[in-house]
Amino acid sequence: MKRSVLSLFAFAAVALLAVSASAGEFCSNKNYYGGDKESAVDLREMTIPSTGSIDVDSGKNGGIAVKGENRSDVLVRACVRSWADTGAEAKNIVDTTRIETSPTIRATNSGESSKYSVSFEILVPYQTSLKLRAHNGGISIKSVQGDMDFSTLNGGLSLTDVAGDVKGRTTNGGVKVSLVGTTWSGTGLDVQTTNGGVKLALPTNYAANIETGTVNGGFKSDFPELQVQKDPNQKYYQRNKNVSASLNGGGALIRVKTTNGGVKIGAADGVEQ
């Protein structure tokens, strides 16, 4: 049974939501397309100087995972994957795909083939600003502080231990945010999805101004301050499921919202990781 290209990259988006423990896990030699197509895969790895910011465009197909580390340079891993009627054609597409690192980290193909994807796994210094763009693929950011602007059309967003001025959007995909410490460092967080659920995890002593909610979906919270007010005269689906409240004296604005999807808020160890 064939998988559509979109279902292929929906799978890839989920797979990329956690930064891999090794390059082998990140870019395994598997034919995710299935059906009668042949595939080829190649892992590219390069180190570039750190300028304090990176700009990444994964193109039509592929996700982006960024992780902060105690390092002074930037390690870029690019998983180039192609699919075609024959193995030779798939290999040729991979071989003609090039990875550019300046001014934008992105892939190009001299044959203008659309039968390929490039997912990026990038290790950066903790203090790094990010501009990330994907189309069919998820975006994952872990242990980074800086100005961040990121978006994808079809893919989830996963944020863990981030700080700074952070703004992100997806249209079709869930959002998972895990906060650490006792308060936000920086301007704030604003992450939204149109079609997808939201999971927000934060310590019970976290100080912030929280805005969250949904139009069409359930709402569950472990925090008394972040509860939907119940009106006995309204059915559940008619209730306003948007909440704005200060926790532990307030702080930076943390906004995590969806339109079509449920919201789940819990203690840092109370939301599924």
C-alpha atoms as a PDB file:
ATOM      1  CA  MET A   1       0.000   0.000   0.000  1.00  0.00           C
ATOM      2  CA  LYS A   2       1.410   3.376  -1.021  1.00  0.00           C
ATOM      3  CA  ARG A   3       1.746   6.249   1.395  1.00  0.00           C
ATOM      4  CA  SER A   4       1.101   9.740   0.143  1.00  0.00           C
ATOM      5  CA  VAL A   5       3.965  12.200   0.229  1.00  0.00           C
ATOM      6  CA  LEU A   6       2.076  14.223   2.839  1.00  0.00           C
ATOM      7  CA  SER A   7       1.637  11.203   5.110  1.00  0.00           C
ATOM      8  CA  LEU A   8       5.340  10.465   4.696  1.00  0.00           C
ATOM      9  CA  PHE A   9       6.292  13.856   6.013  1.00  0.00           C
ATOM     10  CA  ALA A  10       3.641  13.851   8.699  1.00  0.00           C
ATOM     11  CA  PHE A  11       5.515  10.793   9.949  1.00  0.00           C
ATOM     12  CA  ALA A  12       8.838  12.569   9.551  1.00  0.00           C
ATOM     13  CA  ALA A  13       7.511  15.562  11.475  1.00  0.00           C
ATOM     14  CA  VAL A  14       6.626  13.390  14.440  1.00  0.00           C
ATOM     15  CA  ALA A  15       9.945  11.584  14.285  1.00  0.00           C
ATOM     16  CA  LEU A  16      11.858  14.847  14.366  1.00  0.00           C
ATOM     17  CA  LEU A  17      10.093  16.382  17.366  1.00  0.00           C
ATOM     18  CA  ALA A  18      12.863  15.103  19.621  1.00  0.00           C
ATOM     19  CA  VAL A  19      16.509  15.809  18.879  1.00  0.00           C
ATOM     20  CA  SER A  20      18.199  12.498  18.160  1.00  0.00           C
ATOM     21  CA  ALA A  21      20.755  11.011  20.489  1.00  0.00           C
ATOM     22  CA  SER A  22      22.982  10.205  17.513  1.00  0.00           C
ATOM     23  CA  ALA A  23      23.351  10.979  13.836  1.00  0.00           C
ATOM     24  CA  GLY A  24      22.456   7.364  13.035  1.00  0.00           C
ATOM     25  CA  GLU A  25      19.077   7.660  14.726  1.00  0.00           C
ATOM     26  CA  PHE A  26      18.447  10.992  13.044  1.00  0.00           C
ATOM     27  CA  CYS A  27      19.077   9.725   9.516  1.00  0.00           C
ATOM     28  CA  SER A  28      18.374   6.006   9.390  1.00  0.00           C
ATOM     29  CA  ASN A  29      18.349   4.237   6.028  1.00  0.00           C
ATOM     30  CA  LYS A  30      14.648   3.420   5.823  1.00  0.00           C
ATOM     31  CA  ASN A  31      12.247   3.695   2.904  1.00  0.00           C
ATOM     32  CA  TYR A  32       9.369   5.576   4.507  1.00  0.00           C
ATOM     33  CA  TYR A  33       7.642   6.030   1.155  1.00  0.00           C
ATOM     34  CA  GLY A  34       6.678   2.400   0.752  1.00  0.00           C
ATOM     35  CA  GLY A  35       4.785   1.124  -2.246  1.00  0.00           C
ATOM     36  CA  ASP A  36       6.796   0.488  -5.400  1.00  0.00           C
ATOM     37  CA  LYS A  37       9.153   3.439  -4.956  1.00  0.00           C
ATOM     38  CA  GLU A  38      12.871   3.097  -4.287  1.00  0.00           C
ATOM     39  CA  SER A  39      14.660   5.422  -1.897  1.00  0.00           C
ATOM     40  CA  ALA A  40      18.150   6.707  -1.187  1.00  0.00           C
ATOM     41  CA  VAL A  41      19.484   8.537   1.853  1.00  0.00           C
ATOM     42  CA  ASP A  42      22.643  10.427   2.743  1.00  0.00           C
ATOM     43  CA  LEU A  43      23.731  12.129   5.945  1.00  0.00           C
ATOM     44  CA  ARG A  44      25.751  15.332   5.502  1.00  0.00           C
ATOM     45  CA  GLU A  45      27.566  16.831   8.477  1.00  0.00           C
ATOM     46  CA  MET A  46      29.401  20.138   8.570  1.00  0.00           C
ATOM     47  CA  THR A  47      30.647  22.620  11.157  1.00  0.00           C
ATOM     48  CA  ILE A  48      30.319  26.360  10.623  1.00  0.00           C
ATOM     49  CA  PRO A  49      31.328  29.375  12.754  1.00  0.00           C
ATOM     50  CA  SER A  50      28.742  30.752  15.152  1.00  0.00           C
ATOM     51  CA  THR A  51      27.538  34.281  14.443  1.00  0.00           C
ATOM     52  CA  GLY A  52      24.986  34.322  17.261  1.00  0.00           C
ATOM     53  CA  SER A  53      22.064  33.511  14.959  1.00  0.00           C
ATOM     54  CA  ILE A  54      21.020  30.984  12.325  1.00  0.00           C
ATOM     55  CA  ASP A  55      18.469  31.090   9.506  1.00  0.00           C
ATOM     56  CA  VAL A  56      17.127  27.706   8.381  1.00  0.00           C
ATOM     57  CA  ASP A  57      14.705  26.900   5.556  1.00  0.00           C
ATOM     58  CA  SER A  58      13.951  23.183   5.200  1.00  0.00           C
ATOM     59  CA  GLY A  59      12.072  23.731   1.951  1.00  0.00           C
ATOM     60  CA  LYS A  60       8.941  21.886   0.896  1.00  0.00           C
ATOM     61  CA  ASN A  61       9.665  18.636   2.737  1.00  0.00           C
ATOM     62  CA  GLY A  62      11.626  18.191   5.933  1.00  0.00           C
ATOM     63  CA  GLY A  63      11.735  19.127   9.593  1.00  0.00           C
ATOM     64  CA  ILE A  64      14.119  21.123  11.753  1.00  0.00           C
ATOM     65  CA  ALA A  65      15.498  20.245  15.194  1.00  0.00           C
ATOM     66  CA  VAL A  66      17.759  22.678  17.056  1.00  0.00           C
ATOM     67  CA  LYS A  67      19.492  21.966  20.360  1.00  0.00           C
ATOM     68  CA  GLY A  68      21.648  24.256  22.477  1.00  0.00           C
ATOM     69  CA  GLU A  69      24.956  22.989  23.798  1.00  0.00           C
ATOM     70  CA  ASN A  70      28.083  24.274  25.507  1.00  0.00           C
ATOM     71  CA  ARG A  71      29.932  24.898  22.248  1.00  0.00           C
ATOM     72  CA  SER A  72      31.383  27.806  20.263  1.00  0.00           C
ATOM     73  CA  ASP A  73      30.503  26.659  16.733  1.00  0.00           C
ATOM     74  CA  VAL A  74      27.441  25.287  14.924  1.00  0.00           C
ATOM     75  CA  LEU A  75      27.142  21.655  13.875  1.00  0.00           C
ATOM     76  CA  VAL A  76      24.751  21.097  10.966  1.00  0.00           C
ATOM     77  CA  ARG A  77      23.451  17.637  10.155  1.00  0.00           C
ATOM     78  CA  ALA A  78      21.352  17.320   7.020  1.00  0.00           C
ATOM     79  CA  CYS A  79      19.483  14.120   6.187  1.00  0.00           C
ATOM     80  CA  VAL A  80      18.928  14.071   2.426  1.00  0.00           C
ATOM     81  CA  ARG A  81      16.352  11.524   1.312  1.00  0.00           C
ATOM     82  CA  SER A  82      14.859  10.867  -2.115  1.00  0.00           C
ATOM     83  CA  TRP A  83      12.390   8.488  -3.691  1.00  0.00           C
ATOM     84  CA  ALA A  84      11.960   7.463  -7.323  1.00  0.00           C
ATOM     85  CA  ASP A  85      10.988   4.596  -9.623  1.00  0.00           C
ATOM     86  CA  THR A  86      14.502   3.131  -9.504  1.00  0.00           C
ATOM     87  CA  GLY A  87      17.306   3.094  -6.963  1.00  0.00           C
ATOM     88  CA  ALA A  88      19.665   4.711  -9.472  1.00  0.00           C
ATOM     89  CA  GLU A  89      17.298   7.630 -10.018  1.00  0.00           C
ATOM     90  CA  ALA A  90      16.825   8.084  -6.269  1.00  0.00           C
ATOM     91  CA  LYS A  91      20.598   8.072  -5.715  1.00  0.00           C
ATOM     92  CA  ASN A  92      21.088  10.627  -8.485  1.00  0.00           C
ATOM     93  CA  ILE A  93      18.600  12.976  -6.822  1.00  0.00           C
ATOM     94  CA  VAL A  94      20.473  12.666  -3.524  1.00  0.00           C
ATOM     95  CA  ASP A  95      23.834  13.190  -5.219  1.00  0.00           C
ATOM     96  CA  THR A  96      22.663  16.377  -6.963  1.00  0.00           C
ATOM     97  CA  THR A  97      21.218  17.889  -3.773  1.00  0.00           C
ATOM     98  CA  ARG A  98      23.497  20.462  -2.179  1.00  0.00           C
ATOM     99  CA  ILE A  99      23.446  21.962   1.308  1.00  0.00           C
ATOM    100  CA  GLU A 100      24.073  25.694   1.624  1.00  0.00           C
ATOM    101  CA  THR A 101      25.045  27.206   4.974  1.00  0.00           C
ATOM    102  CA  SER A 102      25.237  30.934   4.212  1.00  0.00           C
ATOM    103  CA  PRO A 103      23.352  33.167   4.579  1.00  0.00           C
ATOM    104  CA  THR A 104      20.567  30.591   4.996  1.00  0.00           C
ATOM    105  CA  ILE A 105      20.982  26.926   5.854  1.00  0.00           C
ATOM    106  CA  ARG A 106      18.993  25.201   3.122  1.00  0.00           C
ATOM    107  CA  ALA A 107      19.067  22.568   0.397  1.00  0.00           C
ATOM    108  CA  THR A 108      19.108  23.081  -3.360  1.00  0.00           C
ATOM    109  CA  ASN A 109      18.853  20.617  -6.228  1.00  0.00           C
ATOM    110  CA  SER A 110      20.361  21.367  -9.634  1.00  0.00           C
ATOM    111  CA  GLY A 111      17.790  19.176 -11.366  1.00  0.00           C
ATOM    112  CA  GLU A 112      14.869  20.977  -9.705  1.00  0.00           C
ATOM    113  CA  SER A 113      13.546  17.621  -8.568  1.00  0.00           C
ATOM    114  CA  SER A 114      10.698  17.641  -6.066  1.00  0.00           C
ATOM    115  CA  LYS A 115      11.222  13.997  -5.087  1.00  0.00           C
ATOM    116  CA  TYR A 116      13.421  14.662  -2.107  1.00  0.00           C
ATOM    117  CA  SER A 117      13.356  15.887   1.467  1.00  0.00           C
ATOM    118  CA  VAL A 118      15.989  17.408   3.698  1.00  0.00           C
ATOM    119  CA  SER A 119      15.618  17.417   7.473  1.00  0.00           C
ATOM    120  CA  PHE A 120      18.060  19.328   9.643  1.00  0.00           C
ATOM    121  CA  GLU A 121      19.451  18.585  13.086  1.00  0.00           C
ATOM    122  CA  ILE A 122      21.505  21.546  14.292  1.00  0.00           C
ATOM    123  CA  LEU A 123      23.567  21.930  17.457  1.00  0.00           C
ATOM    124  CA  VAL A 124      24.207  25.530  18.479  1.00  0.00           C
ATOM    125  CA  PRO A 125      25.599  27.534  21.427  1.00  0.00           C
ATOM    126  CA  TYR A 126      23.007  28.064  24.151  1.00  0.00           C
ATOM    127  CA  GLN A 127      22.755  31.776  23.297  1.00  0.00           C
ATOM    128  CA  THR A 128      21.581  31.735  19.678  1.00  0.00           C
ATOM    129  CA  SER A 129      18.799  33.528  17.828  1.00  0.00           C
ATOM    130  CA  LEU A 130      16.758  31.412  15.415  1.00  0.00           C
ATOM    131  CA  LYS A 131      14.742  31.958  12.265  1.00  0.00           C
ATOM    132  CA  LEU A 132      13.246  28.640  11.147  1.00  0.00           C
ATOM    133  CA  ARG A 133      10.869  27.821   8.288  1.00  0.00           C
ATOM    134  CA  ALA A 134       9.381  24.488   7.259  1.00  0.00           C
ATOM    135  CA  HIS A 135       6.437  23.402   5.128  1.00  0.00           C
ATOM    136  CA  ASN A 136       5.861  19.682   5.613  1.00  0.00           C
ATOM    137  CA  GLY A 137       7.822  18.947   8.753  1.00  0.00           C
ATOM    138  CA  GLY A 138       7.978  19.563  12.474  1.00  0.00           C
ATOM    139  CA  ILE A 139      10.112  22.055  14.379  1.00  0.00           C
ATOM    140  CA  SER A 140      11.814  21.178  17.659  1.00  0.00           C
ATOM    141  CA  ILE A 141      13.866  23.545  19.843  1.00  0.00           C
ATOM    142  CA  LYS A 142      15.599  22.552  23.066  1.00  0.00           C
ATOM    143  CA  SER A 143      17.865  24.454  25.493  1.00  0.00           C
ATOM    144  CA  VAL A 144      18.241  27.634  23.431  1.00  0.00           C
ATOM    145  CA  GLN A 145      17.898  31.283  24.489  1.00  0.00           C
ATOM    146  CA  GLY A 146      17.494  34.120  21.989  1.00  0.00           C
ATOM    147  CA  ASP A 147      15.147  35.855  19.585  1.00  0.00           C
ATOM    148  CA  MET A 148      13.192  33.117  17.806  1.00  0.00           C
ATOM    149  CA  ASP A 149      10.725  33.243  14.929  1.00  0.00           C
ATOM    150  CA  PHE A 150       9.619  29.935  13.440  1.00  0.00           C
ATOM    151  CA  SER A 151       6.746  28.523  11.413  1.00  0.00           C
ATOM    152  CA  THR A 152       5.565  25.439   9.582  1.00  0.00           C
ATOM    153  CA  LEU A 153       2.414  24.538   7.679  1.00  0.00           C
ATOM    154  CA  ASN A 154       2.102  20.805   8.323  1.00  0.00           C
ATOM    155  CA  GLY A 155       4.023  19.751  11.401  1.00  0.00           C
ATOM    156  CA  GLY A 156       4.140  19.951  15.157  1.00  0.00           C
ATOM    157  CA  LEU A 157       6.071  22.356  17.375  1.00  0.00           C
ATOM    158  CA  SER A 158       8.046  21.145  20.388  1.00  0.00           C
ATOM    159  CA  LEU A 159       9.776  23.565  22.785  1.00  0.00           C
ATOM    160  CA  THR A 160      11.771  22.497  25.830  1.00  0.00           C
ATOM    161  CA  ASP A 161      13.810  24.729  28.146  1.00  0.00           C
ATOM    162  CA  VAL A 162      13.788  27.769  25.834  1.00  0.00           C
ATOM    163  CA  ALA A 163      13.986  31.482  26.662  1.00  0.00           C
ATOM    164  CA  GLY A 164      14.114  34.903  25.036  1.00  0.00           C
ATOM    165  CA  ASP A 165      11.616  36.494  22.654  1.00  0.00           C
ATOM    166  CA  VAL A 166      10.008  33.366  21.205  1.00  0.00           C
ATOM    167  CA  LYS A 167       7.280  33.360  18.535  1.00  0.00           C
ATOM    168  CA  GLY A 168       6.065  30.373  16.538  1.00  0.00           C
ATOM    169  CA  ARG A 169       3.152  29.200  14.391  1.00  0.00           C
ATOM    170  CA  THR A 170       1.863  26.049  12.772  1.00  0.00           C
ATOM    171  CA  THR A 171      -1.340  25.459  10.844  1.00  0.00           C
ATOM    172  CA  ASN A 172      -1.727  21.694  11.044  1.00  0.00           C
ATOM    173  CA  GLY A 173       0.116  20.267  14.012  1.00  0.00           C
ATOM    174  CA  GLY A 174       0.174  20.008  17.767  1.00  0.00           C
ATOM    175  CA  VAL A 175       2.160  22.176  20.161  1.00  0.00           C
ATOM    176  CA  LYS A 176       4.107  20.914  23.164  1.00  0.00           C
ATOM    177  CA  VAL A 177       5.841  23.355  25.517  1.00  0.00           C
ATOM    178  CA  SER A 178       7.853  22.341  28.581  1.00  0.00           C
ATOM    179  CA  LEU A 179       9.024  25.200  30.808  1.00  0.00           C
ATOM    180  CA  VAL A 180      11.771  24.897  33.421  1.00  0.00           C
ATOM    181  CA  GLY A 181      12.978  26.978  36.336  1.00  0.00           C
ATOM    182  CA  THR A 182      10.812  29.417  38.275  1.00  0.00           C
ATOM    183  CA  THR A 183      10.210  32.163  35.694  1.00  0.00           C
ATOM    184  CA  TRP A 184      10.724  33.075  32.042  1.00  0.00           C
ATOM    185  CA  SER A 185      14.011  34.704  31.038  1.00  0.00           C
ATOM    186  CA  GLY A 186      13.397  37.239  28.286  1.00  0.00           C
ATOM    187  CA  THR A 187      10.442  38.973  26.646  1.00  0.00           C
ATOM    188  CA  GLY A 188       8.016  36.074  26.507  1.00  0.00           C
ATOM    189  CA  LEU A 189       6.513  33.226  24.518  1.00  0.00           C
ATOM    190  CA  ASP A 190       3.795  33.301  21.851  1.00  0.00           C
ATOM    191  CA  VAL A 191       3.080  29.973  20.113  1.00  0.00           C
ATOM    192  CA  GLN A 192      -0.127  29.094  18.292  1.00  0.00           C
ATOM    193  CA  THR A 193      -1.654  26.409  16.112  1.00  0.00           C
ATOM    194  CA  THR A 194      -4.854  26.316  14.090  1.00  0.00           C
ATOM    195  CA  ASN A 195      -5.479  22.578  13.924  1.00  0.00           C
ATOM    196  CA  GLY A 196      -3.832  20.677  16.735  1.00  0.00           C
ATOM    197  CA  GLY A 197      -3.787  20.119  20.456  1.00  0.00           C
ATOM    198  CA  VAL A 198      -1.725  22.013  23.017  1.00  0.00           C
ATOM    199  CA  LYS A 199       0.249  20.560  25.923  1.00  0.00           C
ATOM    200  CA  LEU A 200       1.849  22.987  28.371  1.00  0.00           C
ATOM    201  CA  ALA A 201       3.990  21.732  31.251  1.00  0.00           C
ATOM    202  CA  LEU A 202       5.394  24.034  33.925  1.00  0.00           C
ATOM    203  CA  PRO A 203       6.589  23.754  37.527  1.00  0.00           C
ATOM    204  CA  THR A 204       4.010  24.541  40.204  1.00  0.00           C
ATOM    205  CA  ASN A 205       6.103  27.479  41.468  1.00  0.00           C
ATOM    206  CA  TYR A 206       6.524  29.032  38.013  1.00  0.00           C
ATOM    207  CA  ALA A 207       5.806  32.790  37.951  1.00  0.00           C
ATOM    208  CA  ALA A 208       4.242  34.101  34.727  1.00  0.00           C
ATOM    209  CA  ASN A 209       1.196  35.611  33.082  1.00  0.00           C
ATOM    210  CA  ILE A 210      -0.434  32.760  31.182  1.00  0.00           C
ATOM    211  CA  GLU A 211      -2.793  33.005  28.206  1.00  0.00           C
ATOM    212  CA  THR A 212      -4.132  29.801  26.722  1.00  0.00           C
ATOM    213  CA  GLY A 213      -7.292  28.410  25.232  1.00  0.00           C
ATOM    214  CA  THR A 214      -9.164  26.806  22.374  1.00  0.00           C
ATOM    215  CA  VAL A 215     -12.314  27.361  20.358  1.00  0.00           C
ATOM    216  CA  ASN A 216     -13.121  23.759  19.462  1.00  0.00           C
ATOM    217  CA  GLY A 217     -11.695  21.225  21.884  1.00  0.00           C
ATOM    218  CA  GLY A 218     -11.477  20.101  25.465  1.00  0.00           C
ATOM    219  CA  PHE A 219      -9.682  21.915  28.271  1.00  0.00           C
ATOM    220  CA  LYS A 220      -7.899  20.297  31.212  1.00  0.00           C
ATOM    221  CA  SER A 221      -5.664  21.998  33.765  1.00  0.00           C
ATOM    222  CA  ASP A 222      -3.964  20.967  36.998  1.00  0.00           C
ATOM    223  CA  PHE A 223      -3.670  24.618  38.067  1.00  0.00           C
ATOM    224  CA  PRO A 224      -6.696  26.144  39.857  1.00  0.00           C
ATOM    225  CA  GLU A 225      -5.889  29.569  38.385  1.00  0.00           C
ATOM    226  CA  LEU A 226      -6.014  28.137  34.876  1.00  0.00           C
ATOM    227  CA  GLN A 227      -9.463  26.635  34.772  1.00  0.00           C
ATOM    228  CA  VAL A 228     -12.379  27.254  32.423  1.00  0.00           C
ATOM    229  CA  GLN A 229     -15.200  28.997  34.232  1.00  0.00           C
ATOM    230  CA  LYS A 230     -18.306  26.836  34.139  1.00  0.00           C
ATOM    231  CA  ASP A 231     -21.675  28.393  33.375  1.00  0.00           C
ATOM    232  CA  PRO A 232     -24.511  26.020  34.277  1.00  0.00           C
ATOM    233  CA  ASN A 233     -26.685  27.706  31.651  1.00  0.00           C
ATOM    234  CA  GLN A 234     -24.299  26.765  28.844  1.00  0.00           C
ATOM    235  CA  LYS A 235     -23.470  23.440  27.302  1.00  0.00           C
ATOM    236  CA  TYR A 236     -19.794  22.478  27.426  1.00  0.00           C
ATOM    237  CA  TYR A 237     -19.184  23.173  23.732  1.00  0.00           C
ATOM    238  CA  GLN A 238     -20.650  26.685  24.148  1.00  0.00           C
ATOM    239  CA  ARG A 239     -18.312  27.758  26.935  1.00  0.00           C
ATOM    240  CA  ASN A 240     -15.509  30.251  26.474  1.00  0.00           C
ATOM    241  CA  LYS A 241     -12.421  28.086  26.783  1.00  0.00           C
ATOM    242  CA  ASN A 242      -9.879  30.904  26.916  1.00  0.00           C
ATOM    243  CA  VAL A 243      -7.996  31.569  30.142  1.00  0.00           C
ATOM    244  CA  SER A 244      -5.789  34.466  31.199  1.00  0.00           C
ATOM    245  CA  ALA A 245      -4.284  34.484  34.679  1.00  0.00           C
ATOM    246  CA  SER A 246      -1.212  35.323  36.742  1.00  0.00           C
ATOM    247  CA  LEU A 247       0.660  32.510  38.419  1.00  0.00           C
ATOM    248  CA  ASN A 248       2.765  33.039  41.543  1.00  0.00           C
ATOM    249  CA  GLY A 249       2.768  36.831  41.254  1.00  0.00           C
ATOM    250  CA  GLY A 250       2.976  36.978  37.460  1.00  0.00           C
ATOM    251  CA  GLY A 251       5.849  37.631  35.100  1.00  0.00           C
ATOM    252  CA  ALA A 252       6.530  37.470  31.395  1.00  0.00           C
ATOM    253  CA  LEU A 253       3.625  36.638  29.082  1.00  0.00           C
ATOM    254  CA  ILE A 254       3.365  32.966  28.122  1.00  0.00           C
ATOM    255  CA  ARG A 255       0.775  32.556  25.343  1.00  0.00           C
ATOM    256  CA  VAL A 256       0.050  29.055  23.970  1.00  0.00           C
ATOM    257  CA  LYS A 257      -3.217  28.708  22.046  1.00  0.00           C
ATOM    258  CA  THR A 258      -5.095  26.627  19.497  1.00  0.00           C
ATOM    259  CA  THR A 259      -8.283  26.986  17.494  1.00  0.00           C
ATOM    260  CA  ASN A 260      -9.229  23.381  16.793  1.00  0.00           C
ATOM    261  CA  GLY A 261      -7.780  21.083  19.417  1.00  0.00           C
ATOM    262  CA  GLY A 262      -7.681  20.333  23.100  1.00  0.00           C
ATOM    263  CA  VAL A 263      -5.621  22.060  25.772  1.00  0.00           C
ATOM    264  CA  LYS A 264      -3.840  20.218  28.564  1.00  0.00           C
ATOM    265  CA  ILE A 265      -1.889  22.048  31.283  1.00  0.00           C
ATOM    266  CA  GLY A 266       0.003  20.218  33.974  1.00  0.00           C
ATOM    267  CA  ALA A 267       2.911  20.263  36.385  1.00  0.00           C
ATOM    268  CA  ALA A 268       6.296  19.751  34.735  1.00  0.00           C
ATOM    269  CA  ASP A 269       6.178  16.041  35.545  1.00  0.00           C
ATOM    270  CA  GLY A 270       2.463  15.754  34.866  1.00  0.00           C
ATOM    271  CA  VAL A 271       2.408  16.139  31.092  1.00  0.00           C
ATOM    272  CA  GLU A 272       3.474  13.288  28.862  1.00  0.00           C
ATOM    273  CA  GLN A 273       6.929  13.874  27.432  1.00  0.00           C
END
